[in-house]
Amino acid sequence: MNFKRVPRRLLFLFDQIPPTEEYDLIIVNPPFYKGDARDVAAHAWYSGSDPQYFRKLAPQARLHLGRHGKMIFVVSSEMDIEGATSIFRESQFEVSRICSRKVLFEIFYILQISHVP
């Protein structure tokens, strides 16, 4: 196989994406756990003390999710799911559960976010 070098960028969500770019499908693997990240790597696990990650994601999704677009992401029973989904509902999104799976003591849910019709 011929692999080309892909430039890497450290960015938070859509911070460096022009606001005019829209997508039909956005797939996100957000941090699951409540608490503040103490270093760059910890941002993969911790979404902040009051789901800060989702407070930033929702308004950015309004800009970048196309009119009929969908955002898919996974959440964990170890996080404040209701708090995260209420942020999207307050931002005029529809939230639906696609599926769930229990792994040991944790349940993972796949959620779909779309614009309210």
N, C-alpha and C. Protein backbone atom coordinates (compact mmCIF):
# COMPACT_ATOMS: atom_id res chain seq x y z
N MET A 1 0.83 -1.18 0.00
CA MET A 1 0.00 0.00 0.00
C MET A 1 0.87 1.24 0.00
N ASN A 2 0.33 2.28 -0.58
CA ASN A 2 1.03 3.56 -0.65
C ASN A 2 0.34 4.54 0.30
N PHE A 3 0.97 4.82 1.43
CA PHE A 3 0.41 5.75 2.40
C PHE A 3 1.06 7.12 2.23
N LYS A 4 0.22 8.14 2.16
CA LYS A 4 0.73 9.51 2.10
C LYS A 4 0.76 10.07 3.51
N ARG A 5 1.61 11.01 3.72
CA ARG A 5 1.65 11.67 5.03
C ARG A 5 0.41 12.53 5.20
N VAL A 6 -0.21 12.39 6.33
CA VAL A 6 -1.39 13.18 6.65
C VAL A 6 -0.98 14.20 7.71
N PRO A 7 -1.23 15.47 7.45
CA PRO A 7 -0.85 16.47 8.46
C PRO A 7 -1.68 16.28 9.73
N ARG A 8 -1.04 16.46 10.85
CA ARG A 8 -1.73 16.36 12.13
C ARG A 8 -1.91 17.75 12.71
N ARG A 9 -3.06 17.94 13.35
CA ARG A 9 -3.33 19.20 14.03
C ARG A 9 -3.96 18.88 15.38
N LEU A 10 -3.55 19.60 16.38
CA LEU A 10 -4.19 19.51 17.67
C LEU A 10 -5.21 20.64 17.73
N LEU A 11 -6.49 20.26 17.76
CA LEU A 11 -7.53 21.28 17.82
C LEU A 11 -8.68 20.76 18.66
N PHE A 12 -9.48 21.67 19.11
CA PHE A 12 -10.63 21.32 19.93
C PHE A 12 -11.86 21.41 19.06
N LEU A 13 -12.42 20.27 18.74
CA LEU A 13 -13.64 20.17 17.94
C LEU A 13 -13.47 20.90 16.61
N PHE A 14 -14.26 21.92 16.35
CA PHE A 14 -14.25 22.59 15.05
C PHE A 14 -13.52 23.94 15.08
N ASP A 15 -12.69 24.16 16.08
CA ASP A 15 -12.06 25.47 16.27
C ASP A 15 -11.37 26.02 15.02
N GLN A 16 -10.75 25.17 14.24
CA GLN A 16 -10.00 25.66 13.08
C GLN A 16 -10.70 25.36 11.75
N ILE A 17 -11.96 24.99 11.80
CA ILE A 17 -12.74 24.72 10.60
C ILE A 17 -13.53 25.99 10.26
N PRO A 18 -13.47 26.44 9.00
CA PRO A 18 -14.24 27.65 8.64
C PRO A 18 -15.73 27.46 8.94
N PRO A 19 -16.40 28.49 9.48
CA PRO A 19 -17.81 28.36 9.87
C PRO A 19 -18.76 28.08 8.71
N THR A 20 -18.30 28.25 7.49
CA THR A 20 -19.17 27.99 6.34
C THR A 20 -19.18 26.53 5.91
N GLU A 21 -18.27 25.72 6.46
CA GLU A 21 -18.22 24.30 6.08
C GLU A 21 -19.30 23.52 6.81
N GLU A 22 -20.15 22.81 6.03
CA GLU A 22 -21.21 21.98 6.60
C GLU A 22 -20.99 20.53 6.20
N TYR A 23 -21.47 19.63 7.06
CA TYR A 23 -21.29 18.21 6.84
C TYR A 23 -22.63 17.49 6.97
N ASP A 24 -22.81 16.43 6.18
CA ASP A 24 -24.02 15.61 6.28
C ASP A 24 -23.92 14.61 7.40
N LEU A 25 -22.70 14.20 7.74
CA LEU A 25 -22.49 13.23 8.81
C LEU A 25 -21.25 13.63 9.61
N ILE A 26 -21.42 13.72 10.91
CA ILE A 26 -20.32 13.99 11.82
C ILE A 26 -20.30 12.86 12.84
N ILE A 27 -19.17 12.20 12.96
CA ILE A 27 -19.01 11.12 13.94
C ILE A 27 -18.01 11.59 14.99
N VAL A 28 -18.43 11.52 16.25
CA VAL A 28 -17.62 12.04 17.36
C VAL A 28 -17.46 10.95 18.42
N ASN A 29 -16.25 10.81 18.92
CA ASN A 29 -16.00 9.93 20.06
C ASN A 29 -15.60 10.82 21.23
N PRO A 30 -16.59 11.36 21.96
CA PRO A 30 -16.28 12.34 23.01
C PRO A 30 -15.69 11.69 24.25
N PRO A 31 -15.07 12.50 25.10
CA PRO A 31 -14.61 11.99 26.39
C PRO A 31 -15.82 11.59 27.23
N PHE A 32 -15.71 10.49 27.95
CA PHE A 32 -16.85 9.92 28.69
C PHE A 32 -16.99 10.39 30.12
N TYR A 33 -15.89 10.69 30.77
CA TYR A 33 -15.92 10.79 32.22
C TYR A 33 -15.95 12.23 32.71
N LYS A 34 -16.69 12.44 33.82
CA LYS A 34 -16.80 13.76 34.43
C LYS A 34 -15.50 14.08 35.14
N GLY A 35 -15.05 15.30 35.00
CA GLY A 35 -13.84 15.74 35.67
C GLY A 35 -12.99 16.56 34.72
N ASP A 36 -12.06 17.28 35.28
CA ASP A 36 -11.21 18.16 34.48
C ASP A 36 -9.94 17.44 34.06
N ALA A 37 -9.55 17.63 32.82
CA ALA A 37 -8.31 17.05 32.30
C ALA A 37 -7.12 17.80 32.88
N ARG A 38 -6.12 17.04 33.30
CA ARG A 38 -4.92 17.66 33.89
C ARG A 38 -3.79 17.83 32.88
N ASP A 39 -3.92 17.18 31.72
CA ASP A 39 -2.92 17.33 30.66
C ASP A 39 -3.60 17.07 29.32
N VAL A 40 -2.89 17.24 28.23
CA VAL A 40 -3.47 17.10 26.89
C VAL A 40 -4.06 15.72 26.68
N ALA A 41 -3.36 14.67 27.07
CA ALA A 41 -3.83 13.30 26.87
C ALA A 41 -5.12 13.03 27.65
N ALA A 42 -5.28 13.62 28.81
CA ALA A 42 -6.47 13.39 29.63
C ALA A 42 -7.74 13.93 29.00
N HIS A 43 -7.64 14.83 28.03
CA HIS A 43 -8.83 15.34 27.33
C HIS A 43 -9.56 14.22 26.59
N ALA A 44 -8.87 13.12 26.31
CA ALA A 44 -9.51 11.97 25.68
C ALA A 44 -10.49 11.28 26.63
N TRP A 45 -10.32 11.47 27.93
CA TRP A 45 -11.14 10.77 28.91
C TRP A 45 -12.14 11.67 29.64
N TYR A 46 -11.78 12.93 29.91
CA TYR A 46 -12.58 13.78 30.79
C TYR A 46 -13.24 14.93 30.04
N SER A 47 -14.56 15.06 30.25
CA SER A 47 -15.34 16.06 29.51
C SER A 47 -15.53 17.36 30.29
N GLY A 48 -14.92 17.47 31.44
CA GLY A 48 -15.09 18.66 32.27
C GLY A 48 -16.04 18.37 33.41
N SER A 49 -16.11 19.29 34.35
CA SER A 49 -16.93 19.06 35.55
C SER A 49 -18.42 19.26 35.30
N ASP A 50 -18.79 19.95 34.24
CA ASP A 50 -20.22 20.21 33.99
C ASP A 50 -20.59 19.95 32.53
N PRO A 51 -20.19 18.89 31.93
CA PRO A 51 -19.98 18.55 30.53
C PRO A 51 -19.56 19.73 29.65
N GLN A 52 -18.42 20.37 29.99
CA GLN A 52 -17.91 21.50 29.19
C GLN A 52 -17.74 21.12 27.73
N TYR A 53 -17.29 19.90 27.48
CA TYR A 53 -17.07 19.44 26.11
C TYR A 53 -18.36 19.59 25.29
N PHE A 54 -19.48 19.14 25.86
CA PHE A 54 -20.75 19.20 25.14
C PHE A 54 -21.29 20.62 25.04
N ARG A 55 -20.96 21.47 26.03
CA ARG A 55 -21.35 22.88 25.94
C ARG A 55 -20.66 23.58 24.77
N LYS A 56 -19.47 23.12 24.43
CA LYS A 56 -18.77 23.69 23.28
C LYS A 56 -19.19 23.00 21.98
N LEU A 57 -19.44 21.70 22.04
CA LEU A 57 -19.81 20.94 20.84
C LEU A 57 -21.15 21.37 20.26
N ALA A 58 -22.15 21.58 21.09
CA ALA A 58 -23.51 21.88 20.60
C ALA A 58 -23.57 23.11 19.71
N PRO A 59 -23.04 24.28 20.13
CA PRO A 59 -23.12 25.44 19.23
C PRO A 59 -22.28 25.26 17.97
N GLN A 60 -21.17 24.53 18.08
CA GLN A 60 -20.37 24.29 16.88
C GLN A 60 -21.10 23.35 15.93
N ALA A 61 -21.84 22.40 16.48
CA ALA A 61 -22.63 21.50 15.64
C ALA A 61 -23.70 22.29 14.88
N ARG A 62 -24.26 23.31 15.50
CA ARG A 62 -25.27 24.14 14.81
C ARG A 62 -24.68 24.77 13.54
N LEU A 63 -23.40 25.15 13.60
CA LEU A 63 -22.75 25.77 12.45
C LEU A 63 -22.39 24.75 11.36
N HIS A 64 -21.96 23.57 11.77
CA HIS A 64 -21.34 22.65 10.82
C HIS A 64 -22.20 21.46 10.39
N LEU A 65 -23.29 21.20 11.08
CA LEU A 65 -24.16 20.09 10.69
C LEU A 65 -25.16 20.59 9.66
N GLY A 66 -25.14 19.96 8.49
CA GLY A 66 -26.05 20.35 7.42
C GLY A 66 -27.50 20.24 7.84
N ARG A 67 -28.37 20.88 7.10
CA ARG A 67 -29.80 20.95 7.44
C ARG A 67 -30.41 19.58 7.70
N HIS A 68 -30.04 18.59 6.88
CA HIS A 68 -30.56 17.23 7.06
C HIS A 68 -29.47 16.29 7.59
N GLY A 69 -28.41 16.88 8.13
CA GLY A 69 -27.29 16.09 8.61
C GLY A 69 -27.55 15.42 9.95
N LYS A 70 -26.67 14.51 10.28
CA LYS A 70 -26.76 13.77 11.53
C LYS A 70 -25.38 13.71 12.19
N MET A 71 -25.38 13.79 13.49
CA MET A 71 -24.16 13.60 14.27
C MET A 71 -24.36 12.33 15.09
N ILE A 72 -23.38 11.46 15.05
CA ILE A 72 -23.43 10.20 15.80
C ILE A 72 -22.31 10.22 16.82
N PHE A 73 -22.62 9.86 18.07
CA PHE A 73 -21.55 9.73 19.05
C PHE A 73 -21.92 8.73 20.14
N VAL A 74 -20.90 8.30 20.86
CA VAL A 74 -21.06 7.32 21.91
C VAL A 74 -20.94 8.01 23.27
N VAL A 75 -21.77 7.56 24.22
CA VAL A 75 -21.68 8.05 25.58
C VAL A 75 -21.66 6.85 26.53
N SER A 76 -21.28 7.08 27.75
CA SER A 76 -21.13 6.01 28.75
C SER A 76 -22.07 6.26 29.93
N SER A 77 -22.52 5.18 30.53
CA SER A 77 -23.34 5.29 31.74
C SER A 77 -22.56 5.91 32.90
N GLU A 78 -21.25 6.02 32.77
CA GLU A 78 -20.40 6.61 33.80
C GLU A 78 -20.39 8.14 33.73
N MET A 79 -21.05 8.71 32.74
CA MET A 79 -21.06 10.17 32.61
C MET A 79 -22.47 10.70 32.83
N ASP A 80 -22.62 11.99 32.82
CA ASP A 80 -23.92 12.63 32.97
C ASP A 80 -24.59 12.69 31.59
N ILE A 81 -25.22 11.60 31.20
CA ILE A 81 -25.85 11.51 29.87
C ILE A 81 -26.98 12.52 29.76
N GLU A 82 -27.81 12.62 30.77
CA GLU A 82 -28.93 13.56 30.73
C GLU A 82 -28.43 15.00 30.60
N GLY A 83 -27.37 15.33 31.30
CA GLY A 83 -26.80 16.68 31.19
C GLY A 83 -26.29 16.96 29.79
N ALA A 84 -25.61 15.98 29.20
CA ALA A 84 -25.07 16.16 27.85
C ALA A 84 -26.19 16.27 26.82
N THR A 85 -27.19 15.39 26.91
CA THR A 85 -28.27 15.43 25.92
C THR A 85 -29.15 16.67 26.09
N SER A 86 -29.31 17.15 27.33
CA SER A 86 -30.12 18.36 27.52
C SER A 86 -29.45 19.58 26.89
N ILE A 87 -28.13 19.59 26.85
CA ILE A 87 -27.41 20.68 26.18
C ILE A 87 -27.79 20.72 24.70
N PHE A 88 -27.88 19.56 24.07
CA PHE A 88 -28.27 19.51 22.66
C PHE A 88 -29.73 19.88 22.47
N ARG A 89 -30.59 19.44 23.36
CA ARG A 89 -32.01 19.79 23.24
C ARG A 89 -32.21 21.30 23.41
N GLU A 90 -31.47 21.90 24.35
CA GLU A 90 -31.54 23.37 24.54
C GLU A 90 -31.05 24.11 23.30
N SER A 91 -30.19 23.47 22.52
CA SER A 91 -29.67 24.07 21.28
C SER A 91 -30.53 23.71 20.08
N GLN A 92 -31.76 23.26 20.34
CA GLN A 92 -32.73 22.95 19.28
C GLN A 92 -32.31 21.76 18.41
N PHE A 93 -31.75 20.73 19.05
CA PHE A 93 -31.45 19.47 18.36
C PHE A 93 -32.39 18.39 18.88
N GLU A 94 -32.63 17.42 18.04
CA GLU A 94 -33.35 16.23 18.42
C GLU A 94 -32.32 15.17 18.79
N VAL A 95 -32.53 14.47 19.89
CA VAL A 95 -31.59 13.45 20.36
C VAL A 95 -32.31 12.11 20.38
N SER A 96 -31.71 11.09 19.77
CA SER A 96 -32.31 9.76 19.82
C SER A 96 -31.23 8.71 20.07
N ARG A 97 -31.62 7.63 20.73
CA ARG A 97 -30.70 6.54 21.01
C ARG A 97 -30.79 5.52 19.89
N ILE A 98 -29.66 5.16 19.31
CA ILE A 98 -29.63 4.18 18.23
C ILE A 98 -29.50 2.76 18.80
N CYS A 99 -28.58 2.58 19.75
CA CYS A 99 -28.39 1.26 20.35
C CYS A 99 -27.59 1.40 21.63
N SER A 100 -27.47 0.30 22.37
CA SER A 100 -26.68 0.29 23.59
C SER A 100 -26.02 -1.07 23.75
N ARG A 101 -24.95 -1.09 24.54
CA ARG A 101 -24.24 -2.34 24.82
C ARG A 101 -23.61 -2.26 26.20
N LYS A 102 -23.83 -3.30 26.99
CA LYS A 102 -23.23 -3.37 28.32
C LYS A 102 -21.88 -4.06 28.22
N VAL A 103 -20.87 -3.44 28.81
CA VAL A 103 -19.53 -3.99 28.87
C VAL A 103 -19.10 -3.94 30.33
N LEU A 104 -19.02 -5.10 30.95
CA LEU A 104 -18.72 -5.23 32.38
C LEU A 104 -19.71 -4.41 33.20
N PHE A 105 -19.27 -3.32 33.84
CA PHE A 105 -20.14 -2.54 34.71
C PHE A 105 -20.60 -1.23 34.07
N GLU A 106 -20.40 -1.11 32.79
CA GLU A 106 -20.67 0.15 32.10
C GLU A 106 -21.57 -0.13 30.89
N ILE A 107 -22.46 0.80 30.59
CA ILE A 107 -23.31 0.69 29.41
C ILE A 107 -22.93 1.81 28.46
N PHE A 108 -22.71 1.47 27.20
CA PHE A 108 -22.39 2.45 26.16
C PHE A 108 -23.62 2.64 25.29
N TYR A 109 -23.92 3.89 24.96
CA TYR A 109 -25.07 4.23 24.12
C TYR A 109 -24.57 4.96 22.89
N ILE A 110 -25.09 4.60 21.74
CA ILE A 110 -24.84 5.34 20.52
C ILE A 110 -26.03 6.29 20.34
N LEU A 111 -25.73 7.59 20.29
CA LEU A 111 -26.77 8.61 20.14
C LEU A 111 -26.68 9.28 18.78
N GLN A 112 -27.82 9.73 18.33
CA GLN A 112 -27.89 10.49 17.07
C GLN A 112 -28.48 11.86 17.36
N ILE A 113 -27.82 12.87 16.83
CA ILE A 113 -28.24 14.26 16.98
C ILE A 113 -28.64 14.77 15.60
N SER A 114 -29.77 15.42 15.50
CA SER A 114 -30.18 16.03 14.22
C SER A 114 -30.95 17.32 14.53
N HIS A 115 -31.06 18.16 13.52
CA HIS A 115 -31.82 19.40 13.69
C HIS A 115 -33.29 19.09 13.92
N VAL A 116 -33.94 19.86 14.78
CA VAL A 116 -35.37 19.70 14.99
C VAL A 116 -36.06 20.12 13.69
N PRO A 117 -36.96 19.27 13.18
CA PRO A 117 -37.63 19.62 11.90
C PRO A 117 -38.52 20.85 12.03
